[in-house]
Amino acid sequence: MASNQPTPGQERRIVVGIDGSEPSKAALRWAVGQAVLTGAVVHAVAAWEYPSLYGWFAPMVDEGFEQAAHRTLTAEVDDVIGPERPVAVRESLVLGHAAQVLLEAAEGADLLVLGSRGRGTFARTLLGSVSTRCAVHGACPVVIVRADGTASTPPPPATAATGASTTGEQAPQAVRTKDWQLSLHVVEDRDTTRVHAVLDADGKVLHSDALSRRNPRDTPAPAVGDDFAVGRALVDLGHQLLRAGVHSATDPAEE
């Protein structure tokens, strides 16, 4: 088994995910306290993405989104730690999905610290996907910090043979697997690409239509049109799933 202990001369590092929320601030406080005890550097990492836009042409890049994300990162670090920092703090703002950004940042680190969200069932499942993915795929131990400052580590996985945890504690509920079927019908018609997407989500079928159109000034590149059209169709399907989930989680008739 690989060790996360630093070799002589190697920097000790605690990575903490930053998103401006109260649990994120609690995670940063916890990480700083741990760094004081271990002599580690705190690496505050925030991920950001461009919002999804619809239309015939590719979304316009707006540098304001990156600037706003950077202000959030800096403001949270300053608010939590203050000007007289008890430990060295490094800040990183990375374009990409939060889970992947944090996993890459945590390679070689002592710990990855994340905030926990105390919300309803649907929101907890959605927002918890980042911490779940990091806990499963992380190369270092993961610590989840609640808004009240208490911390915990994700439970160990159940053994395949008995379903019992490696610590002898009561096993979690059995893992369920599902296969969702996605089909994409792509039509390239000169300078326009159209896509019809169908998602069979465990019996609930969702449809989406999207297109992309080449700017007359651009060189013909059908593959690029496919990327944009398929991407927009998938984004639309994602929004439909989110709306359906929110409706299911908030509709009293379905509780």
Protein backbone atom coordinates (compact mmCIF):
# COMPACT_ATOMS: atom_id res chain seq x y z
CA MET A 1 0.00 0.00 0.00
CA ALA A 2 1.33 3.42 -0.97
CA SER A 3 2.14 5.80 1.86
CA ASN A 4 1.05 9.44 1.99
CA GLN A 5 3.83 10.35 4.43
CA PRO A 6 6.21 12.88 2.89
CA THR A 7 9.78 11.86 2.19
CA PRO A 8 12.59 13.83 3.88
CA GLY A 9 12.65 17.33 2.44
CA GLN A 10 9.21 16.98 0.85
CA GLU A 11 6.64 19.67 1.64
CA ARG A 12 3.69 18.64 3.80
CA ARG A 13 0.49 19.88 2.21
CA ILE A 14 -3.20 19.96 3.08
CA VAL A 15 -5.56 20.66 0.18
CA VAL A 16 -8.94 22.24 0.98
CA GLY A 17 -11.79 22.85 -1.44
CA ILE A 18 -13.14 26.41 -1.54
CA ASP A 19 -16.56 27.46 -2.87
CA GLY A 20 -17.66 30.37 -0.69
CA SER A 21 -20.14 28.38 1.42
CA GLU A 22 -20.21 28.14 5.22
CA PRO A 23 -19.15 24.46 5.19
CA SER A 24 -16.26 25.44 2.93
CA LYS A 25 -15.17 28.09 5.44
CA ALA A 26 -15.41 25.53 8.25
CA ALA A 27 -13.26 23.15 6.19
CA LEU A 28 -10.65 25.88 5.70
CA ARG A 29 -10.57 26.64 9.45
CA TRP A 30 -10.13 22.93 10.19
CA ALA A 31 -7.36 22.61 7.61
CA VAL A 32 -5.50 25.59 9.08
CA GLY A 33 -5.76 24.11 12.57
CA GLN A 34 -4.43 20.79 11.33
CA ALA A 35 -1.62 22.52 9.45
CA VAL A 36 -0.56 24.33 12.63
CA LEU A 37 -0.23 20.95 14.37
CA THR A 38 1.63 19.20 11.54
CA GLY A 39 3.65 22.02 10.00
CA ALA A 40 1.91 21.63 6.66
CA VAL A 41 1.14 24.20 4.00
CA VAL A 42 -2.56 24.84 3.31
CA HIS A 43 -3.41 24.72 -0.40
CA ALA A 44 -6.81 26.41 -0.94
CA VAL A 45 -8.23 25.25 -4.27
CA ALA A 46 -11.32 26.60 -6.04
CA ALA A 47 -12.74 25.26 -9.30
CA TRP A 48 -14.82 27.28 -11.74
CA GLU A 49 -16.62 26.62 -15.01
CA TYR A 50 -18.22 28.75 -17.70
CA PRO A 51 -22.03 28.71 -17.52
CA SER A 52 -23.79 26.75 -20.26
CA LEU A 53 -25.33 28.96 -22.89
CA TYR A 54 -27.68 28.04 -25.72
CA GLY A 55 -27.80 29.31 -29.25
CA TRP A 56 -26.68 28.54 -32.76
CA PHE A 57 -23.13 29.62 -32.23
CA ALA A 58 -20.56 28.77 -29.59
CA PRO A 59 -20.91 30.54 -26.20
CA MET A 60 -18.95 33.76 -25.84
CA VAL A 61 -16.10 33.61 -23.32
CA ASP A 62 -16.61 36.11 -20.51
CA GLU A 63 -13.54 36.77 -18.37
CA GLY A 64 -15.84 38.13 -15.65
CA PHE A 65 -16.69 34.61 -14.48
CA GLU A 66 -13.05 33.83 -13.73
CA GLN A 67 -12.55 37.16 -11.99
CA ALA A 68 -15.61 36.58 -9.80
CA ALA A 69 -14.38 33.12 -8.87
CA HIS A 70 -10.97 34.52 -7.97
CA ARG A 71 -12.57 37.18 -5.76
CA THR A 72 -14.58 34.49 -3.98
CA LEU A 73 -11.45 32.45 -3.32
CA THR A 74 -9.41 35.38 -2.03
CA ALA A 75 -12.26 36.79 0.05
CA GLU A 76 -12.91 33.45 1.76
CA VAL A 77 -9.26 32.91 2.62
CA ASP A 78 -8.94 36.46 3.98
CA ASP A 79 -12.20 36.20 5.91
CA VAL A 80 -11.37 32.87 7.55
CA ILE A 81 -7.66 33.25 8.22
CA GLY A 82 -7.17 37.00 8.47
CA PRO A 83 -4.11 39.07 7.58
CA GLU A 84 -1.80 37.42 10.15
CA ARG A 85 -1.76 33.89 8.88
CA PRO A 86 -0.52 31.23 11.32
CA VAL A 87 0.54 28.95 8.44
CA ALA A 88 1.59 29.32 4.84
CA VAL A 89 -1.42 29.40 2.53
CA ARG A 90 -1.31 28.84 -1.21
CA GLU A 91 -4.29 29.71 -3.44
CA SER A 92 -5.19 28.09 -6.76
CA LEU A 93 -8.10 28.84 -9.09
CA VAL A 94 -8.56 26.13 -11.74
CA LEU A 95 -10.93 25.88 -14.68
CA GLY A 96 -12.70 22.51 -14.57
CA HIS A 97 -15.12 20.26 -12.71
CA ALA A 98 -14.67 20.57 -8.95
CA ALA A 99 -14.11 16.88 -8.22
CA GLN A 100 -11.48 16.41 -10.92
CA VAL A 101 -9.72 19.65 -10.01
CA LEU A 102 -9.52 18.65 -6.33
CA LEU A 103 -8.38 15.11 -7.10
CA GLU A 104 -5.53 16.39 -9.23
CA ALA A 105 -4.58 19.06 -6.68
CA ALA A 106 -4.53 16.47 -3.87
CA GLU A 107 -2.00 14.18 -5.53
CA GLY A 108 0.91 13.86 -3.14
CA ALA A 109 -0.90 15.79 -0.37
CA ASP A 110 -1.28 14.69 3.26
CA LEU A 111 -5.03 15.36 3.33
CA LEU A 112 -7.90 16.58 1.18
CA VAL A 113 -10.42 18.57 3.27
CA LEU A 114 -13.95 19.30 2.00
CA GLY A 115 -17.02 20.98 3.47
CA SER A 116 -20.21 19.00 4.05
CA ARG A 117 -23.60 20.32 2.96
CA GLY A 118 -26.52 19.95 5.40
CA ARG A 119 -29.37 20.13 2.93
CA GLY A 120 -32.33 18.09 1.74
CA THR A 121 -32.20 14.70 0.08
CA PHE A 122 -31.86 15.82 -3.52
CA ALA A 123 -29.45 18.68 -2.84
CA ARG A 124 -27.38 16.47 -0.55
CA THR A 125 -27.10 13.83 -3.28
CA LEU A 126 -26.15 16.39 -5.93
CA LEU A 127 -23.71 18.45 -3.88
CA GLY A 128 -22.32 15.37 -2.17
CA SER A 129 -21.21 13.94 -5.51
CA VAL A 130 -17.96 15.92 -5.32
CA SER A 131 -16.99 14.64 -1.86
CA THR A 132 -18.14 11.12 -2.77
CA ARG A 133 -15.99 11.03 -5.89
CA CYS A 134 -13.02 12.46 -4.05
CA ALA A 135 -13.42 9.91 -1.23
CA VAL A 136 -13.55 7.03 -3.70
CA HIS A 137 -10.81 8.12 -6.08
CA GLY A 138 -8.60 10.30 -3.89
CA ALA A 139 -4.90 9.45 -3.61
CA CYS A 140 -4.80 10.73 -0.02
CA PRO A 141 -7.13 10.59 3.02
CA VAL A 142 -10.28 12.72 2.70
CA VAL A 143 -11.79 14.64 5.65
CA ILE A 144 -15.35 15.99 5.52
CA VAL A 145 -15.99 19.02 7.76
CA ARG A 146 -19.49 20.10 8.75
CA ALA A 147 -20.52 23.73 9.13
CA ASP A 148 -20.20 23.42 12.92
CA GLY A 149 -16.53 22.54 12.55
CA THR A 150 -16.79 18.83 13.37
CA ALA A 151 -14.96 16.53 11.00
CA SER A 152 -15.28 12.95 9.86
CA THR A 153 -13.77 10.63 7.31
CA PRO A 154 -15.97 8.74 4.82
CA PRO A 155 -16.87 5.22 6.02
CA PRO A 156 -14.74 2.36 4.67
CA PRO A 157 -16.24 0.34 1.82
CA ALA A 158 -18.03 -2.90 2.59
CA THR A 159 -16.18 -6.11 1.82
CA ALA A 160 -17.45 -7.99 -1.21
CA ALA A 161 -17.80 -11.28 0.64
CA THR A 162 -19.71 -10.34 3.77
CA GLY A 163 -20.98 -6.80 3.24
CA ALA A 164 -19.40 -5.85 6.60
CA SER A 165 -17.05 -2.87 6.95
CA THR A 166 -13.37 -3.43 7.55
CA THR A 167 -13.70 -1.95 11.06
CA GLY A 168 -16.45 -4.31 12.14
CA GLU A 169 -19.09 -1.59 12.19
CA GLN A 170 -22.57 -2.09 10.84
CA ALA A 171 -22.46 -2.33 7.04
CA PRO A 172 -24.08 0.42 4.97
CA GLN A 173 -27.02 -0.33 2.74
CA ALA A 174 -26.32 -2.55 -0.23
CA VAL A 175 -24.98 -0.81 -3.31
CA ARG A 176 -27.46 -0.50 -6.17
CA THR A 177 -26.43 -0.27 -9.79
CA LYS A 178 -28.49 0.96 -12.71
CA ASP A 179 -27.88 1.19 -16.45
CA TRP A 180 -29.21 4.32 -18.15
CA GLN A 181 -29.32 4.21 -21.93
CA LEU A 182 -28.32 7.28 -23.97
CA SER A 183 -28.70 7.47 -27.74
CA LEU A 184 -27.53 10.33 -29.95
CA HIS A 185 -28.67 10.87 -33.53
CA VAL A 186 -26.32 13.32 -35.29
CA VAL A 187 -27.12 14.84 -38.69
CA GLU A 188 -24.54 16.96 -40.53
CA ASP A 189 -26.27 19.12 -43.14
CA ARG A 190 -23.67 21.34 -44.83
CA ASP A 191 -22.93 24.10 -42.28
CA THR A 192 -25.44 22.90 -39.68
CA THR A 193 -25.28 19.96 -37.28
CA ARG A 194 -28.45 18.75 -35.59
CA VAL A 195 -28.62 16.32 -32.70
CA HIS A 196 -31.53 14.42 -31.23
CA ALA A 197 -30.70 12.88 -27.85
CA VAL A 198 -32.80 10.33 -25.99
CA LEU A 199 -32.06 9.29 -22.41
CA ASP A 200 -33.82 6.33 -20.83
CA ALA A 201 -33.30 7.12 -17.15
CA ASP A 202 -34.50 3.92 -15.52
CA GLY A 203 -37.82 4.06 -17.36
CA LYS A 204 -38.14 7.85 -17.47
CA VAL A 205 -37.42 8.92 -21.04
CA LEU A 206 -36.10 12.40 -21.76
CA HIS A 207 -35.58 14.00 -25.16
CA SER A 208 -33.45 16.91 -26.29
CA ASP A 209 -32.81 18.60 -29.63
CA ALA A 210 -29.86 20.89 -30.27
CA LEU A 211 -27.91 22.31 -33.17
CA SER A 212 -24.76 24.19 -34.07
CA ARG A 213 -24.13 26.30 -37.14
CA ARG A 214 -20.78 27.23 -38.66
CA ASN A 215 -19.88 30.87 -38.85
CA PRO A 216 -19.45 31.62 -42.59
CA ARG A 217 -16.04 33.12 -41.82
CA ASP A 218 -14.77 29.89 -40.25
CA THR A 219 -13.16 26.96 -42.03
CA PRO A 220 -15.56 23.98 -42.40
CA ALA A 221 -14.99 21.55 -39.52
CA PRO A 222 -17.93 19.11 -39.09
CA ALA A 223 -16.34 17.47 -36.05
CA VAL A 224 -16.37 20.79 -34.20
CA GLY A 225 -20.04 21.25 -35.04
CA ASP A 226 -20.71 17.76 -33.68
CA ASP A 227 -19.00 18.63 -30.41
CA PHE A 228 -21.03 21.80 -29.89
CA ALA A 229 -24.37 20.26 -30.88
CA VAL A 230 -23.92 17.10 -28.81
CA GLY A 231 -22.64 19.11 -25.87
CA ARG A 232 -25.69 21.38 -25.93
CA ALA A 233 -28.03 18.39 -26.12
CA LEU A 234 -26.33 16.77 -23.12
CA VAL A 235 -26.44 20.02 -21.13
CA ASP A 236 -30.15 20.31 -21.84
CA LEU A 237 -30.70 16.72 -20.68
CA GLY A 238 -28.77 17.55 -17.53
CA HIS A 239 -31.00 20.54 -16.82
CA GLN A 240 -34.08 18.37 -17.34
CA LEU A 241 -32.76 15.84 -14.83
CA LEU A 242 -32.02 18.57 -12.29
CA ARG A 243 -35.49 20.06 -12.66
CA ALA A 244 -37.04 16.61 -12.29
CA GLY A 245 -34.95 15.93 -9.20
CA VAL A 246 -35.84 19.22 -7.57
CA HIS A 247 -39.52 18.60 -8.30
CA SER A 248 -39.33 15.10 -6.80
CA ALA A 249 -37.50 16.35 -3.72
CA THR A 250 -39.80 19.28 -3.02
CA ASP A 251 -43.23 17.99 -4.08
CA PRO A 252 -45.05 16.89 -0.87
CA ALA A 253 -47.10 14.43 -2.90
CA GLU A 254 -43.96 12.48 -3.71
CA GLU A 255 -42.39 12.40 -0.26
